[in-house]
Amino acid sequence: MESISSIKDLHKYLELNSNKKITLIPTMGNLHKGHLELIGQAPANTHKIVSIYVNKLQFNNSDDYDSYPRSINLDIEKCKDNNVDMVFMPDDSFLENINEYEDIHLPEFTNHLCGKTRDSHFLGVYKIVRNLFDMIKPNYACFGIKDYQQLLLIKFIASKYFPNLEIIEVDTVRNKEKIALSSRLNKLDKKAILKAANIYICLTSIKQKIIDGKDFNIIRDEEIQNLESKNIKVEYLEHRTNTTLNPVKQDISDTSIFIACFIDNVRLIDNIQI
């Protein structure tokens, strides 16, 4: 396995391997089983490239960026153990050398959910991911359903600018308590992690009640009150369509429940499809 930091070396590497199909797995590092599942979903016989970069552009809070868990040596070992061919770990100069696109028009759905409170978050995701796609020109790229709004944006970028790129959607990986795996869980102690199990309990409870025909607006208030009684601060809890992220009116098919909340000041997101 090779590790590369400079864009110049990246171009050399890609030129030497130009005869191979590539699967790109973009990450911010601190790899866990969810990331390893992304790697594992790469199509057989493709060249697997994992990018590790904590993207400053997508953080609307500098403290959150500074405290984001980093474990580069362990990440490299995990990539080796999972048959990754190359790890691209750009240094801080990466931002100085990326293309500043003039044709950026983010889709309307980026204004909903996380887009309401995280200023320029999706613009930051857009810039880095589009640049990675431009530089590496992968045939496939793997992204998780846990970050569903981000996944929609990635699919938008691919459909608009990279028609030969196939986006592989990977199911959310959960631990035994059904908590969606996230690097941010490393910022929580054991007591707080057990508290996080209430997020999935909440989602499954709402799902069943919606299927039973109950009014989501009434259910939401009850569930938020229940979570906040357990010291889980809810940022949003929404029932939205899977294609536009607009509020659901009547038809509950192709819809999901989305949540963002804080446990001990650590922001966690999750979703579950109806």
Protein backbone atom coordinates (compact mmCIF):
# COMPACT_ATOMS: atom_id res chain seq x y z
CA MET A 1 0.00 0.00 0.00
CA GLU A 2 1.23 3.49 -0.84
CA SER A 3 0.68 6.71 1.10
CA ILE A 4 0.69 10.01 -0.78
CA SER A 5 0.40 13.59 0.47
CA SER A 6 1.09 15.91 -2.47
CA ILE A 7 -1.14 16.53 -5.46
CA LYS A 8 1.91 16.18 -7.70
CA ASP A 9 2.64 12.68 -6.37
CA LEU A 10 -1.04 11.83 -6.68
CA HIS A 11 -0.99 12.67 -10.38
CA LYS A 12 2.14 10.56 -10.89
CA TYR A 13 0.54 7.63 -9.10
CA LEU A 14 -2.67 7.87 -11.15
CA GLU A 15 -0.68 8.04 -14.37
CA LEU A 16 1.19 4.85 -13.46
CA ASN A 17 -2.13 3.11 -12.69
CA SER A 18 -4.17 4.56 -15.53
CA ASN A 19 -5.18 1.11 -16.77
CA LYS A 20 -7.07 0.27 -13.57
CA LYS A 21 -10.61 1.06 -12.52
CA ILE A 22 -10.68 3.06 -9.30
CA THR A 23 -12.95 3.07 -6.28
CA LEU A 24 -12.59 6.17 -4.10
CA ILE A 25 -13.54 6.14 -0.42
CA PRO A 26 -13.39 9.73 0.88
CA THR A 27 -13.06 9.99 4.69
CA MET A 28 -12.01 12.40 7.41
CA GLY A 29 -10.02 9.65 9.12
CA ASN A 30 -10.41 8.20 12.60
CA LEU A 31 -11.58 5.09 10.79
CA HIS A 32 -14.13 2.75 12.40
CA LYS A 33 -16.18 -0.23 11.25
CA GLY A 34 -18.46 2.03 9.24
CA HIS A 35 -15.52 3.22 7.16
CA LEU A 36 -14.26 -0.34 6.78
CA GLU A 37 -17.67 -1.29 5.40
CA LEU A 38 -17.29 1.46 2.80
CA ILE A 39 -13.95 -0.04 1.81
CA GLY A 40 -15.47 -3.52 1.78
CA GLN A 41 -18.20 -2.44 -0.64
CA ALA A 42 -15.69 -1.44 -3.33
CA PRO A 43 -16.33 -3.55 -6.44
CA ALA A 44 -13.98 -6.52 -6.85
CA ASN A 45 -10.84 -5.99 -8.93
CA THR A 46 -10.95 -2.20 -8.59
CA HIS A 47 -8.07 -0.14 -7.28
CA LYS A 48 -9.11 1.11 -3.82
CA ILE A 49 -8.06 4.63 -2.85
CA VAL A 50 -8.95 6.02 0.59
CA SER A 51 -8.62 9.77 1.09
CA ILE A 52 -8.09 10.99 4.66
CA TYR A 53 -8.62 14.69 5.13
CA VAL A 54 -10.31 16.65 7.92
CA ASN A 55 -11.99 19.21 5.71
CA LYS A 56 -11.85 22.58 7.46
CA LEU A 57 -14.28 24.04 4.92
CA GLN A 58 -17.20 21.94 6.17
CA PHE A 59 -16.85 22.92 9.83
CA ASN A 60 -18.88 25.90 10.97
CA ASN A 61 -17.28 25.74 14.42
CA SER A 62 -13.50 26.04 14.81
CA ASP A 63 -13.54 24.20 18.16
CA ASP A 64 -15.34 21.29 16.51
CA TYR A 65 -12.68 21.21 13.80
CA ASP A 66 -9.79 21.39 16.31
CA SER A 67 -11.24 18.63 18.49
CA TYR A 68 -12.25 16.29 15.65
CA PRO A 69 -10.69 12.88 16.45
CA ARG A 70 -7.52 12.14 14.50
CA SER A 71 -5.66 8.79 14.48
CA ILE A 72 -3.61 8.74 11.29
CA ASN A 73 -1.19 5.92 12.22
CA LEU A 74 -4.04 3.59 13.20
CA ASP A 75 -5.94 4.62 10.07
CA ILE A 76 -3.03 3.61 7.87
CA GLU A 77 -2.81 0.22 9.57
CA LYS A 78 -6.53 -0.36 9.10
CA CYS A 79 -6.23 0.52 5.42
CA LYS A 80 -3.37 -1.96 5.02
CA ASP A 81 -5.39 -4.67 6.78
CA ASN A 82 -8.35 -4.04 4.46
CA ASN A 83 -6.43 -4.27 1.18
CA VAL A 84 -6.48 -0.59 0.32
CA ASP A 85 -4.10 0.17 -2.56
CA MET A 86 -3.35 3.80 -1.78
CA VAL A 87 -4.09 6.34 0.95
CA PHE A 88 -4.22 9.99 -0.09
CA MET A 89 -3.53 12.23 2.92
CA PRO A 90 -3.20 15.80 1.66
CA ASP A 91 -1.52 18.28 4.00
CA ASP A 92 -2.76 21.75 4.90
CA SER A 93 -1.58 23.18 1.58
CA PHE A 94 -4.31 21.15 -0.12
CA LEU A 95 -6.82 23.99 0.29
CA GLU A 96 -4.44 26.43 -1.39
CA ASN A 97 -4.31 24.29 -4.52
CA ILE A 98 -7.91 23.23 -5.04
CA ASN A 99 -10.02 24.57 -7.87
CA GLU A 100 -12.44 27.34 -6.84
CA TYR A 101 -15.40 26.53 -9.05
CA GLU A 102 -17.41 29.41 -10.47
CA ASP A 103 -20.47 27.34 -11.42
CA ILE A 104 -21.56 26.28 -7.92
CA HIS A 105 -25.32 26.10 -7.50
CA LEU A 106 -26.19 23.99 -4.51
CA PRO A 107 -29.54 22.18 -4.73
CA GLU A 108 -32.46 23.34 -2.60
CA PHE A 109 -32.31 20.31 -0.30
CA THR A 110 -29.00 21.56 1.16
CA ASN A 111 -31.00 24.32 2.90
CA HIS A 112 -32.95 21.80 4.96
CA LEU A 113 -32.00 19.76 8.06
CA CYS A 114 -28.25 20.19 8.69
CA GLY A 115 -28.13 23.03 6.18
CA LYS A 116 -30.29 25.22 8.43
CA THR A 117 -27.76 25.42 11.25
CA ARG A 118 -24.39 24.57 9.65
CA ASP A 119 -23.48 27.59 7.57
CA SER A 120 -21.45 26.72 4.45
CA HIS A 121 -21.11 23.08 5.60
CA PHE A 122 -22.42 21.64 2.34
CA LEU A 123 -20.50 24.19 0.29
CA GLY A 124 -17.36 22.86 1.99
CA VAL A 125 -18.34 19.26 1.27
CA TYR A 126 -19.10 20.20 -2.35
CA LYS A 127 -15.73 21.87 -2.94
CA ILE A 128 -13.59 19.09 -1.51
CA VAL A 129 -15.52 16.18 -3.02
CA ARG A 130 -15.79 17.73 -6.47
CA ASN A 131 -12.04 18.44 -6.40
CA LEU A 132 -11.29 14.86 -5.34
CA PHE A 133 -13.45 13.55 -8.18
CA ASP A 134 -11.70 15.88 -10.63
CA MET A 135 -8.23 14.87 -9.47
CA ILE A 136 -8.72 11.11 -9.11
CA LYS A 137 -11.47 10.52 -11.70
CA PRO A 138 -12.78 7.38 -9.99
CA ASN A 139 -15.13 4.90 -11.60
CA TYR A 140 -16.86 4.28 -8.27
CA ALA A 141 -17.12 6.13 -4.95
CA CYS A 142 -18.55 4.78 -1.69
CA PHE A 143 -20.61 6.89 0.72
CA GLY A 144 -22.71 6.00 3.75
CA ILE A 145 -26.46 6.40 4.16
CA LYS A 146 -25.97 7.69 7.74
CA ASP A 147 -24.92 11.03 6.23
CA TYR A 148 -27.97 10.97 3.98
CA GLN A 149 -28.14 14.66 3.12
CA GLN A 150 -24.46 14.57 2.18
CA LEU A 151 -25.12 11.45 0.08
CA LEU A 152 -27.81 13.31 -1.88
CA LEU A 153 -25.35 16.12 -2.55
CA ILE A 154 -22.68 13.65 -3.73
CA LYS A 155 -25.17 12.04 -6.09
CA PHE A 156 -26.08 15.51 -7.39
CA ILE A 157 -22.40 16.33 -8.07
CA ALA A 158 -21.87 12.99 -9.81
CA SER A 159 -24.95 13.30 -12.02
CA LYS A 160 -24.11 16.88 -13.03
CA TYR A 161 -20.36 16.64 -13.65
CA PHE A 162 -19.28 12.99 -13.60
CA PRO A 163 -21.80 10.90 -15.57
CA ASN A 164 -19.49 7.87 -15.69
CA LEU A 165 -19.05 7.79 -11.91
CA GLU A 166 -21.20 5.31 -9.98
CA ILE A 167 -22.00 6.26 -6.37
CA ILE A 168 -22.27 3.20 -4.14
CA GLU A 169 -24.63 3.71 -1.20
CA VAL A 170 -23.55 1.82 1.92
CA ASP A 171 -25.96 1.01 4.76
CA THR A 172 -25.40 2.52 8.19
CA VAL A 173 -23.22 0.36 10.43
CA ARG A 174 -24.41 0.16 14.04
CA ASN A 175 -22.94 -1.24 17.25
CA LYS A 176 -24.71 -3.74 19.49
CA GLU A 177 -26.73 -0.90 21.06
CA LYS A 178 -27.85 0.10 17.53
CA ILE A 179 -25.95 3.38 17.71
CA ALA A 180 -24.89 4.61 14.25
CA LEU A 181 -21.09 4.49 14.23
CA SER A 182 -19.43 7.89 14.06
CA SER A 183 -15.94 9.21 14.74
CA ARG A 184 -17.57 11.71 17.10
CA LEU A 185 -18.51 8.87 19.46
CA ASN A 186 -14.84 8.86 20.48
CA LYS A 187 -15.48 12.21 22.16
CA LEU A 188 -18.05 10.63 24.52
CA ASP A 189 -17.49 8.64 27.70
CA LYS A 190 -19.16 5.27 28.28
CA LYS A 191 -22.13 6.76 30.12
CA ALA A 192 -22.83 9.20 27.30
CA ILE A 193 -22.52 6.48 24.65
CA LEU A 194 -25.15 4.41 26.44
CA LYS A 195 -27.35 7.49 26.43
CA ALA A 196 -26.91 7.67 22.65
CA ALA A 197 -28.76 4.35 22.32
CA ASN A 198 -31.97 6.35 22.85
CA ILE A 199 -31.58 7.91 19.40
CA TYR A 200 -32.30 4.67 17.53
CA ILE A 201 -35.04 3.74 20.01
CA CYS A 202 -36.68 7.08 19.22
CA LEU A 203 -36.42 6.58 15.44
CA THR A 204 -37.87 3.06 15.48
CA SER A 205 -40.68 4.18 17.78
CA ILE A 206 -41.63 7.01 15.44
CA LYS A 207 -41.43 4.75 12.41
CA GLN A 208 -43.90 2.28 13.87
CA LYS A 209 -46.30 5.01 14.97
CA ILE A 210 -46.26 6.58 11.48
CA ILE A 211 -46.93 3.19 9.90
CA ASP A 212 -49.84 2.84 12.35
CA GLY A 213 -51.27 6.09 10.99
CA LYS A 214 -50.44 8.51 13.79
CA ASP A 215 -49.77 12.21 13.17
CA PHE A 216 -46.03 12.87 12.99
CA ASN A 217 -46.29 16.42 14.39
CA ILE A 218 -47.84 15.07 17.58
CA ILE A 219 -45.39 12.18 17.77
CA ARG A 220 -42.42 14.53 17.28
CA ASP A 221 -43.28 16.71 20.25
CA GLU A 222 -43.66 13.66 22.47
CA GLU A 223 -40.38 12.11 21.34
CA ILE A 224 -38.41 15.36 21.67
CA GLN A 225 -39.71 15.77 25.19
CA ASN A 226 -38.69 12.19 25.97
CA LEU A 227 -35.17 12.63 24.59
CA GLU A 228 -34.62 15.95 26.32
CA SER A 229 -35.70 14.41 29.63
CA LYS A 230 -32.62 12.19 29.17
CA ASN A 231 -30.38 15.24 28.58
CA ILE A 232 -30.28 14.74 24.82
CA LYS A 233 -30.70 18.14 23.18
CA VAL A 234 -32.58 17.84 19.89
CA GLU A 235 -31.56 20.15 17.04
CA TYR A 236 -34.10 18.71 14.62
CA LEU A 237 -36.36 15.69 14.30
CA GLU A 238 -38.05 15.55 10.91
CA HIS A 239 -40.05 13.28 8.60
CA ARG A 240 -38.90 14.07 5.06
CA THR A 241 -39.02 12.67 1.54
CA ASN A 242 -35.91 10.80 0.39
CA THR A 243 -35.54 12.67 -2.90
CA THR A 244 -36.07 16.35 -2.03
CA LEU A 245 -35.97 16.34 1.80
CA ASN A 246 -39.24 18.27 1.75
CA PRO A 247 -41.68 17.68 4.63
CA VAL A 248 -43.93 14.65 4.09
CA LYS A 249 -47.54 15.50 3.35
CA GLN A 250 -49.51 12.26 2.96
CA ASP A 251 -47.67 9.49 1.11
CA ILE A 252 -45.14 7.94 3.52
CA SER A 253 -43.47 5.72 0.91
CA ASP A 254 -39.88 6.67 0.04
CA THR A 255 -39.54 8.78 3.18
CA SER A 256 -37.26 8.77 6.22
CA ILE A 257 -37.03 10.16 9.73
CA PHE A 258 -33.99 12.35 10.34
CA ILE A 259 -32.49 13.49 13.62
CA ALA A 260 -29.63 15.68 14.81
CA CYS A 261 -28.98 16.02 18.51
CA PHE A 262 -26.34 16.84 21.10
CA ILE A 263 -25.07 14.61 23.87
CA ASP A 264 -22.53 16.33 26.15
CA ASN A 265 -22.07 18.97 23.41
CA VAL A 266 -21.21 16.32 20.80
CA ARG A 267 -23.42 16.50 17.71
CA LEU A 268 -24.76 13.20 16.36
CA ILE A 269 -27.00 12.50 13.38
CA ASP A 270 -28.98 9.46 12.30
CA ASN A 271 -31.88 8.46 10.09
CA ILE A 272 -34.17 5.55 9.44
CA GLN A 273 -36.24 4.80 6.36
CA ILE A 274 -39.98 4.23 6.68
